[in-house]
Amino acid sequence: MARISRSRLVTPAIALALGTVIACAVAVRQGWGVAVGCEAVGLVWAGCLYATGGSDSDTGSVIGAQGDERQQLVGLRAARLSLLIVVIALAVSCLIAAVAGTSIWPFEVLLVIIAITYFIGLRAFGVDASELEDGARYSWLGFRQKRTSH
C-alpha cells in the first residue's frame, strides 16, 4: 500500500476549500444547479493538483510541497508573478469600475489587504534572531519577546 504524503494533500485541500466557498457564493446568487457545476470544477481541479503533486517533476515537487531549495525558489517566483498579475488586475478593475461609474471600494480593499500582508510578511520573515548580536528572541511575526531568566 502506498503511503500518502500529508504535504502532497495541502494544495489540493486548499483548492477544494476555495472551490467550495466559490460554489456557496454562486449558490446564493445563481442557485444550486450552477453551484453544483462550480463544485464539480473545484473537485476536478483538486484532483489534477493531487495527481500533479505526485509526479516526478519540478511542478509536481512544488505543488506537492516536497521540493528542494531550487524548486522552492521556483515556487516563490511563481507566487510573486501571480501576485503581480493580481495587483495589476485589481488596479485595472478599479479604473474600469471608475469609468463605468460603479463602486471601486471592493477593489481598493483587496489592494490594501495585499499591501498590509506584504509588510507583515517582510516583518515576519525578515528577522532572523540567530543573526542578531544581542541574542533577543523574536516571535514568528518578528516582534521582540521578553527574555525570561531562569
N, C-alpha and C. Protein backbone atom coordinates (compact mmCIF):
# COMPACT_ATOMS: atom_id res chain seq x y z
N MET A 1 0.84 -1.17 0.00
CA MET A 1 0.00 0.00 0.00
C MET A 1 0.89 1.24 0.00
N ALA A 2 0.63 2.16 -0.88
CA ALA A 2 1.42 3.39 -0.99
C ALA A 2 1.04 4.35 0.12
N ARG A 3 2.05 4.98 0.66
CA ARG A 3 1.83 5.96 1.72
C ARG A 3 1.52 7.32 1.09
N ILE A 4 0.49 7.99 1.59
CA ILE A 4 0.10 9.30 1.08
C ILE A 4 0.77 10.37 1.94
N SER A 5 1.50 11.27 1.29
CA SER A 5 2.18 12.34 1.99
C SER A 5 1.19 13.44 2.34
N ARG A 6 1.23 13.90 3.60
CA ARG A 6 0.35 14.99 4.01
C ARG A 6 0.66 16.27 3.27
N SER A 7 1.94 16.53 3.01
CA SER A 7 2.30 17.76 2.31
C SER A 7 1.76 17.77 0.88
N ARG A 8 1.59 16.59 0.31
CA ARG A 8 1.03 16.50 -1.03
C ARG A 8 -0.45 16.83 -1.04
N LEU A 9 -1.12 16.70 0.10
CA LEU A 9 -2.55 16.96 0.19
C LEU A 9 -2.89 18.43 0.46
N VAL A 10 -1.91 19.23 0.87
CA VAL A 10 -2.19 20.61 1.28
C VAL A 10 -2.75 21.44 0.13
N THR A 11 -2.07 21.47 -0.99
CA THR A 11 -2.52 22.30 -2.12
C THR A 11 -3.88 21.86 -2.65
N PRO A 12 -4.12 20.54 -2.88
CA PRO A 12 -5.47 20.15 -3.32
C PRO A 12 -6.55 20.46 -2.29
N ALA A 13 -6.23 20.34 -1.00
CA ALA A 13 -7.23 20.64 0.03
C ALA A 13 -7.59 22.12 0.03
N ILE A 14 -6.59 22.98 -0.14
CA ILE A 14 -6.86 24.42 -0.21
C ILE A 14 -7.70 24.73 -1.45
N ALA A 15 -7.36 24.12 -2.58
CA ALA A 15 -8.13 24.35 -3.81
C ALA A 15 -9.57 23.88 -3.64
N LEU A 16 -9.77 22.74 -3.00
CA LEU A 16 -11.12 22.22 -2.79
C LEU A 16 -11.91 23.13 -1.85
N ALA A 17 -11.26 23.61 -0.79
CA ALA A 17 -11.95 24.51 0.14
C ALA A 17 -12.34 25.82 -0.55
N LEU A 18 -11.43 26.39 -1.34
CA LEU A 18 -11.76 27.62 -2.05
C LEU A 18 -12.84 27.39 -3.10
N GLY A 19 -12.80 26.24 -3.76
CA GLY A 19 -13.86 25.90 -4.72
C GLY A 19 -15.22 25.79 -4.05
N THR A 20 -15.25 25.24 -2.84
CA THR A 20 -16.50 25.13 -2.09
C THR A 20 -17.02 26.50 -1.69
N VAL A 21 -16.13 27.40 -1.28
CA VAL A 21 -16.54 28.76 -0.94
C VAL A 21 -17.13 29.45 -2.17
N ILE A 22 -16.47 29.30 -3.31
CA ILE A 22 -16.99 29.90 -4.55
C ILE A 22 -18.34 29.29 -4.91
N ALA A 23 -18.47 27.98 -4.77
CA ALA A 23 -19.75 27.32 -5.08
C ALA A 23 -20.86 27.82 -4.16
N CYS A 24 -20.56 28.06 -2.89
CA CYS A 24 -21.57 28.60 -1.97
C CYS A 24 -21.98 30.01 -2.39
N ALA A 25 -21.00 30.82 -2.78
CA ALA A 25 -21.32 32.17 -3.24
C ALA A 25 -22.17 32.13 -4.50
N VAL A 26 -21.86 31.21 -5.40
CA VAL A 26 -22.64 31.06 -6.63
C VAL A 26 -24.05 30.58 -6.29
N ALA A 27 -24.18 29.69 -5.31
CA ALA A 27 -25.50 29.19 -4.91
C ALA A 27 -26.39 30.31 -4.39
N VAL A 28 -25.80 31.23 -3.64
CA VAL A 28 -26.58 32.35 -3.11
C VAL A 28 -27.08 33.23 -4.25
N ARG A 29 -26.25 33.45 -5.24
CA ARG A 29 -26.59 34.39 -6.31
C ARG A 29 -27.35 33.75 -7.47
N GLN A 30 -26.95 32.52 -7.87
CA GLN A 30 -27.49 31.95 -9.10
C GLN A 30 -28.23 30.64 -8.91
N GLY A 31 -28.22 30.07 -7.72
CA GLY A 31 -28.96 28.85 -7.47
C GLY A 31 -28.05 27.63 -7.37
N TRP A 32 -28.64 26.55 -6.87
CA TRP A 32 -27.88 25.34 -6.58
C TRP A 32 -27.42 24.59 -7.82
N GLY A 33 -28.15 24.68 -8.90
CA GLY A 33 -27.74 23.98 -10.11
C GLY A 33 -26.39 24.43 -10.63
N VAL A 34 -26.21 25.73 -10.68
CA VAL A 34 -24.93 26.28 -11.14
C VAL A 34 -23.84 26.02 -10.09
N ALA A 35 -24.22 26.06 -8.80
CA ALA A 35 -23.26 25.83 -7.73
C ALA A 35 -22.70 24.41 -7.77
N VAL A 36 -23.53 23.44 -8.10
CA VAL A 36 -23.06 22.05 -8.20
C VAL A 36 -22.03 21.94 -9.32
N GLY A 37 -22.27 22.63 -10.42
CA GLY A 37 -21.29 22.65 -11.51
C GLY A 37 -19.98 23.28 -11.09
N CYS A 38 -20.05 24.37 -10.31
CA CYS A 38 -18.83 25.01 -9.80
C CYS A 38 -18.08 24.07 -8.87
N GLU A 39 -18.80 23.36 -8.02
CA GLU A 39 -18.16 22.42 -7.11
C GLU A 39 -17.51 21.27 -7.87
N ALA A 40 -18.15 20.83 -8.94
CA ALA A 40 -17.56 19.77 -9.77
C ALA A 40 -16.25 20.24 -10.40
N VAL A 41 -16.23 21.48 -10.86
CA VAL A 41 -14.99 22.04 -11.41
C VAL A 41 -13.91 22.09 -10.33
N GLY A 42 -14.29 22.48 -9.11
CA GLY A 42 -13.35 22.51 -7.99
C GLY A 42 -12.81 21.13 -7.66
N LEU A 43 -13.66 20.11 -7.71
CA LEU A 43 -13.22 18.74 -7.45
C LEU A 43 -12.24 18.26 -8.51
N VAL A 44 -12.55 18.55 -9.76
CA VAL A 44 -11.64 18.15 -10.85
C VAL A 44 -10.31 18.86 -10.70
N TRP A 45 -10.34 20.16 -10.37
CA TRP A 45 -9.11 20.93 -10.21
C TRP A 45 -8.27 20.37 -9.05
N ALA A 46 -8.92 20.06 -7.93
CA ALA A 46 -8.19 19.49 -6.80
C ALA A 46 -7.59 18.13 -7.17
N GLY A 47 -8.33 17.33 -7.93
CA GLY A 47 -7.80 16.04 -8.39
C GLY A 47 -6.59 16.20 -9.29
N CYS A 48 -6.65 17.19 -10.18
CA CYS A 48 -5.50 17.46 -11.06
C CYS A 48 -4.28 17.91 -10.25
N LEU A 49 -4.51 18.75 -9.25
CA LEU A 49 -3.41 19.19 -8.40
C LEU A 49 -2.81 18.02 -7.62
N TYR A 50 -3.66 17.13 -7.14
CA TYR A 50 -3.17 15.96 -6.40
C TYR A 50 -2.33 15.07 -7.31
N ALA A 51 -2.82 14.84 -8.52
CA ALA A 51 -2.08 14.00 -9.46
C ALA A 51 -0.76 14.65 -9.85
N THR A 52 -0.77 15.95 -10.09
CA THR A 52 0.45 16.66 -10.45
C THR A 52 1.44 16.67 -9.28
N GLY A 53 0.93 16.79 -8.06
CA GLY A 53 1.79 16.80 -6.88
C GLY A 53 2.53 15.51 -6.67
N GLY A 54 2.05 14.42 -7.24
CA GLY A 54 2.72 13.13 -7.11
C GLY A 54 3.68 12.82 -8.23
N SER A 55 3.73 13.69 -9.25
CA SER A 55 4.60 13.42 -10.39
C SER A 55 6.05 13.76 -10.05
N ASP A 56 6.97 13.16 -10.79
CA ASP A 56 8.40 13.38 -10.57
C ASP A 56 8.88 14.49 -11.50
N SER A 57 8.50 15.72 -11.15
CA SER A 57 8.89 16.89 -11.94
C SER A 57 9.02 18.09 -11.01
N ASP A 58 9.55 19.19 -11.56
CA ASP A 58 9.65 20.40 -10.76
C ASP A 58 8.27 20.89 -10.33
N THR A 59 7.33 20.88 -11.27
CA THR A 59 5.97 21.31 -10.96
C THR A 59 5.35 20.42 -9.90
N GLY A 60 5.52 19.13 -10.03
CA GLY A 60 4.99 18.19 -9.05
C GLY A 60 5.60 18.39 -7.67
N SER A 61 6.89 18.68 -7.63
CA SER A 61 7.55 18.91 -6.34
C SER A 61 7.07 20.19 -5.69
N VAL A 62 6.86 21.23 -6.48
CA VAL A 62 6.39 22.50 -5.93
C VAL A 62 4.96 22.35 -5.43
N ILE A 63 4.08 21.74 -6.22
CA ILE A 63 2.68 21.58 -5.82
C ILE A 63 2.57 20.61 -4.65
N GLY A 64 3.38 19.57 -4.65
CA GLY A 64 3.36 18.59 -3.58
C GLY A 64 4.13 19.01 -2.35
N ALA A 65 4.72 20.21 -2.34
CA ALA A 65 5.48 20.75 -1.21
C ALA A 65 6.59 19.81 -0.78
N GLN A 66 7.29 19.21 -1.74
CA GLN A 66 8.35 18.26 -1.43
C GLN A 66 9.65 18.64 -2.14
N GLY A 67 9.76 19.88 -2.54
CA GLY A 67 10.90 20.28 -3.35
C GLY A 67 12.13 20.63 -2.54
N ASP A 68 13.25 20.67 -3.23
CA ASP A 68 14.49 21.13 -2.63
C ASP A 68 14.52 22.66 -2.70
N GLU A 69 15.66 23.26 -2.37
CA GLU A 69 15.74 24.72 -2.33
C GLU A 69 15.49 25.35 -3.70
N ARG A 70 16.01 24.76 -4.76
CA ARG A 70 15.81 25.31 -6.09
C ARG A 70 14.33 25.28 -6.47
N GLN A 71 13.66 24.18 -6.17
CA GLN A 71 12.25 24.08 -6.50
C GLN A 71 11.40 25.00 -5.63
N GLN A 72 11.82 25.21 -4.39
CA GLN A 72 11.12 26.17 -3.55
C GLN A 72 11.28 27.59 -4.09
N LEU A 73 12.46 27.90 -4.63
CA LEU A 73 12.68 29.20 -5.25
C LEU A 73 11.79 29.36 -6.48
N VAL A 74 11.63 28.30 -7.26
CA VAL A 74 10.72 28.34 -8.41
C VAL A 74 9.30 28.63 -7.93
N GLY A 75 8.88 27.98 -6.85
CA GLY A 75 7.55 28.23 -6.29
C GLY A 75 7.38 29.66 -5.82
N LEU A 76 8.41 30.23 -5.19
CA LEU A 76 8.34 31.62 -4.75
C LEU A 76 8.26 32.58 -5.93
N ARG A 77 9.03 32.29 -6.97
CA ARG A 77 8.96 33.15 -8.16
C ARG A 77 7.60 33.07 -8.84
N ALA A 78 7.02 31.88 -8.89
CA ALA A 78 5.68 31.72 -9.47
C ALA A 78 4.64 32.46 -8.63
N ALA A 79 4.77 32.39 -7.31
CA ALA A 79 3.84 33.11 -6.43
C ALA A 79 3.99 34.61 -6.61
N ARG A 80 5.23 35.08 -6.75
CA ARG A 80 5.46 36.51 -6.96
C ARG A 80 4.84 36.97 -8.27
N LEU A 81 4.99 36.18 -9.32
CA LEU A 81 4.39 36.53 -10.61
C LEU A 81 2.86 36.58 -10.51
N SER A 82 2.27 35.58 -9.87
CA SER A 82 0.81 35.58 -9.76
C SER A 82 0.32 36.75 -8.92
N LEU A 83 1.05 37.11 -7.86
CA LEU A 83 0.66 38.27 -7.06
C LEU A 83 0.75 39.56 -7.88
N LEU A 84 1.79 39.69 -8.68
CA LEU A 84 1.93 40.87 -9.53
C LEU A 84 0.76 40.97 -10.51
N ILE A 85 0.38 39.86 -11.10
CA ILE A 85 -0.75 39.86 -12.04
C ILE A 85 -2.05 40.22 -11.33
N VAL A 86 -2.25 39.71 -10.12
CA VAL A 86 -3.47 40.03 -9.36
C VAL A 86 -3.51 41.52 -9.02
N VAL A 87 -2.39 42.09 -8.61
CA VAL A 87 -2.35 43.52 -8.28
C VAL A 87 -2.64 44.36 -9.52
N ILE A 88 -2.06 44.00 -10.65
CA ILE A 88 -2.34 44.73 -11.89
C ILE A 88 -3.81 44.59 -12.28
N ALA A 89 -4.35 43.37 -12.15
CA ALA A 89 -5.77 43.16 -12.48
C ALA A 89 -6.68 43.97 -11.56
N LEU A 90 -6.34 44.06 -10.29
CA LEU A 90 -7.15 44.87 -9.37
C LEU A 90 -7.06 46.35 -9.71
N ALA A 91 -5.88 46.82 -10.06
CA ALA A 91 -5.73 48.23 -10.43
C ALA A 91 -6.53 48.54 -11.70
N VAL A 92 -6.46 47.67 -12.68
CA VAL A 92 -7.24 47.85 -13.91
C VAL A 92 -8.73 47.77 -13.61
N SER A 93 -9.12 46.87 -12.71
CA SER A 93 -10.54 46.76 -12.33
C SER A 93 -11.03 48.05 -11.67
N CYS A 94 -10.17 48.67 -10.85
CA CYS A 94 -10.53 49.97 -10.25
C CYS A 94 -10.78 51.02 -11.34
N LEU A 95 -9.91 51.05 -12.33
CA LEU A 95 -10.08 52.01 -13.42
C LEU A 95 -11.37 51.74 -14.19
N ILE A 96 -11.62 50.49 -14.51
CA ILE A 96 -12.83 50.13 -15.26
C ILE A 96 -14.08 50.47 -14.47
N ALA A 97 -14.07 50.16 -13.15
CA ALA A 97 -15.23 50.48 -12.32
C ALA A 97 -15.44 51.99 -12.22
N ALA A 98 -14.35 52.75 -12.14
CA ALA A 98 -14.48 54.21 -12.07
C ALA A 98 -15.05 54.78 -13.35
N VAL A 99 -14.59 54.26 -14.49
CA VAL A 99 -15.11 54.74 -15.78
C VAL A 99 -16.58 54.35 -15.94
N ALA A 100 -16.94 53.16 -15.46
CA ALA A 100 -18.33 52.70 -15.57
C ALA A 100 -19.24 53.37 -14.55
N GLY A 101 -18.65 54.07 -13.59
CA GLY A 101 -19.46 54.77 -12.60
C GLY A 101 -19.95 53.87 -11.48
N THR A 102 -19.34 52.73 -11.28
CA THR A 102 -19.73 51.84 -10.19
C THR A 102 -18.75 51.98 -9.03
N SER A 103 -19.05 51.30 -7.97
CA SER A 103 -18.24 51.40 -6.75
C SER A 103 -16.88 50.72 -6.94
N ILE A 104 -15.83 51.40 -6.48
CA ILE A 104 -14.49 50.82 -6.60
C ILE A 104 -13.94 50.34 -5.26
N TRP A 105 -14.69 50.55 -4.16
CA TRP A 105 -14.16 50.21 -2.85
C TRP A 105 -13.81 48.73 -2.68
N PRO A 106 -14.53 47.77 -3.29
CA PRO A 106 -14.11 46.37 -3.09
C PRO A 106 -12.70 46.11 -3.64
N PHE A 107 -12.37 46.72 -4.75
CA PHE A 107 -11.04 46.54 -5.34
C PHE A 107 -9.98 47.23 -4.48
N GLU A 108 -10.33 48.40 -3.95
CA GLU A 108 -9.40 49.12 -3.08
C GLU A 108 -9.13 48.33 -1.80
N VAL A 109 -10.16 47.71 -1.24
CA VAL A 109 -9.98 46.91 -0.03
C VAL A 109 -9.02 45.77 -0.30
N LEU A 110 -9.17 45.10 -1.42
CA LEU A 110 -8.26 44.00 -1.75
C LEU A 110 -6.82 44.49 -1.93
N LEU A 111 -6.64 45.63 -2.57
CA LEU A 111 -5.30 46.19 -2.72
C LEU A 111 -4.68 46.55 -1.37
N VAL A 112 -5.48 47.09 -0.46
CA VAL A 112 -4.97 47.42 0.87
C VAL A 112 -4.60 46.15 1.64
N ILE A 113 -5.42 45.11 1.52
CA ILE A 113 -5.11 43.84 2.19
C ILE A 113 -3.79 43.27 1.66
N ILE A 114 -3.60 43.32 0.36
CA ILE A 114 -2.35 42.83 -0.23
C ILE A 114 -1.16 43.63 0.30
N ALA A 115 -1.29 44.96 0.34
CA ALA A 115 -0.18 45.81 0.80
C ALA A 115 0.14 45.53 2.27
N ILE A 116 -0.88 45.44 3.12
CA ILE A 116 -0.65 45.20 4.54
C ILE A 116 -0.01 43.84 4.76
N THR A 117 -0.51 42.80 4.10
CA THR A 117 0.07 41.47 4.30
C THR A 117 1.48 41.38 3.74
N TYR A 118 1.79 42.17 2.74
CA TYR A 118 3.16 42.22 2.23
C TYR A 118 4.12 42.72 3.31
N PHE A 119 3.74 43.81 3.97
CA PHE A 119 4.61 44.36 5.00
C PHE A 119 4.66 43.48 6.24
N ILE A 120 3.56 42.81 6.56
CA ILE A 120 3.59 41.83 7.65
C ILE A 120 4.53 40.68 7.29
N GLY A 121 4.49 40.25 6.04
CA GLY A 121 5.40 39.19 5.59
C GLY A 121 6.85 39.61 5.66
N LEU A 122 7.14 40.85 5.28
CA LEU A 122 8.51 41.35 5.41
C LEU A 122 8.96 41.31 6.87
N ARG A 123 8.09 41.73 7.75
CA ARG A 123 8.41 41.74 9.18
C ARG A 123 8.55 40.30 9.71
N ALA A 124 7.66 39.42 9.28
CA ALA A 124 7.66 38.06 9.80
C ALA A 124 8.85 37.26 9.32
N PHE A 125 9.23 37.42 8.08
CA PHE A 125 10.26 36.56 7.51
C PHE A 125 11.60 37.27 7.33
N GLY A 126 11.69 38.54 7.72
CA GLY A 126 12.92 39.29 7.53
C GLY A 126 13.81 39.32 8.75
N VAL A 127 13.35 38.82 9.88
CA VAL A 127 14.12 38.86 11.11
C VAL A 127 14.59 37.46 11.44
N ASP A 128 15.91 37.31 11.57
CA ASP A 128 16.49 36.03 11.96
C ASP A 128 17.22 36.25 13.28
N ALA A 129 16.63 35.77 14.38
CA ALA A 129 17.18 36.02 15.70
C ALA A 129 18.57 35.44 15.87
N SER A 130 18.91 34.39 15.11
CA SER A 130 20.23 33.79 15.27
C SER A 130 21.34 34.71 14.73
N GLU A 131 21.00 35.66 13.88
CA GLU A 131 22.00 36.56 13.31
C GLU A 131 22.15 37.85 14.12
N LEU A 132 21.32 38.03 15.12
CA LEU A 132 21.39 39.26 15.91
C LEU A 132 22.42 39.10 17.02
N GLU A 133 23.15 40.19 17.28
CA GLU A 133 24.23 40.11 18.24
C GLU A 133 23.75 40.14 19.68
N ASP A 134 22.59 40.74 19.95
CA ASP A 134 22.16 40.83 21.34
C ASP A 134 21.40 39.59 21.81
N GLY A 135 21.15 38.65 20.90
CA GLY A 135 20.50 37.40 21.27
C GLY A 135 19.04 37.54 21.65
N ALA A 136 18.41 38.63 21.21
CA ALA A 136 17.00 38.83 21.54
C ALA A 136 16.15 37.77 20.87
N ARG A 137 15.08 37.45 21.51
CA ARG A 137 14.16 36.48 20.93
C ARG A 137 13.04 37.22 20.21
N TYR A 138 12.62 36.63 19.09
CA TYR A 138 11.57 37.23 18.29
C TYR A 138 10.48 36.20 18.05
N SER A 139 9.25 36.70 17.97
CA SER A 139 8.13 35.83 17.65
C SER A 139 8.16 35.56 16.15
N TRP A 140 7.25 34.72 15.67
CA TRP A 140 7.22 34.40 14.24
C TRP A 140 6.83 35.61 13.41
N LEU A 141 6.24 36.65 14.03
CA LEU A 141 5.94 37.88 13.29
C LEU A 141 7.09 38.88 13.37
N GLY A 142 8.17 38.53 14.06
CA GLY A 142 9.33 39.39 14.09
C GLY A 142 9.34 40.41 15.19
N PHE A 143 8.40 40.35 16.13
CA PHE A 143 8.37 41.31 17.22
C PHE A 143 9.18 40.77 18.40
N ARG A 144 9.86 41.66 19.09
CA ARG A 144 10.69 41.26 20.24
C ARG A 144 9.84 40.62 21.31
N GLN A 145 10.37 39.56 21.87
CA GLN A 145 9.72 38.92 23.01
C GLN A 145 10.58 39.19 24.24
N LYS A 146 9.94 39.26 25.38
CA LYS A 146 10.68 39.47 26.61
C LYS A 146 11.50 38.23 26.93
N ARG A 147 12.71 38.43 27.30
CA ARG A 147 13.57 37.31 27.68
C ARG A 147 13.22 36.87 29.08
N THR A 148 13.12 35.59 29.25
CA THR A 148 12.85 35.04 30.57
C THR A 148 14.16 34.55 31.16
N SER A 149 14.41 34.95 32.39
CA SER A 149 15.64 34.49 33.04
C SER A 149 15.29 33.35 33.98
N HIS A 150 16.13 32.35 33.96
CA HIS A 150 15.89 31.17 34.80
C HIS A 150 16.82 31.15 35.96
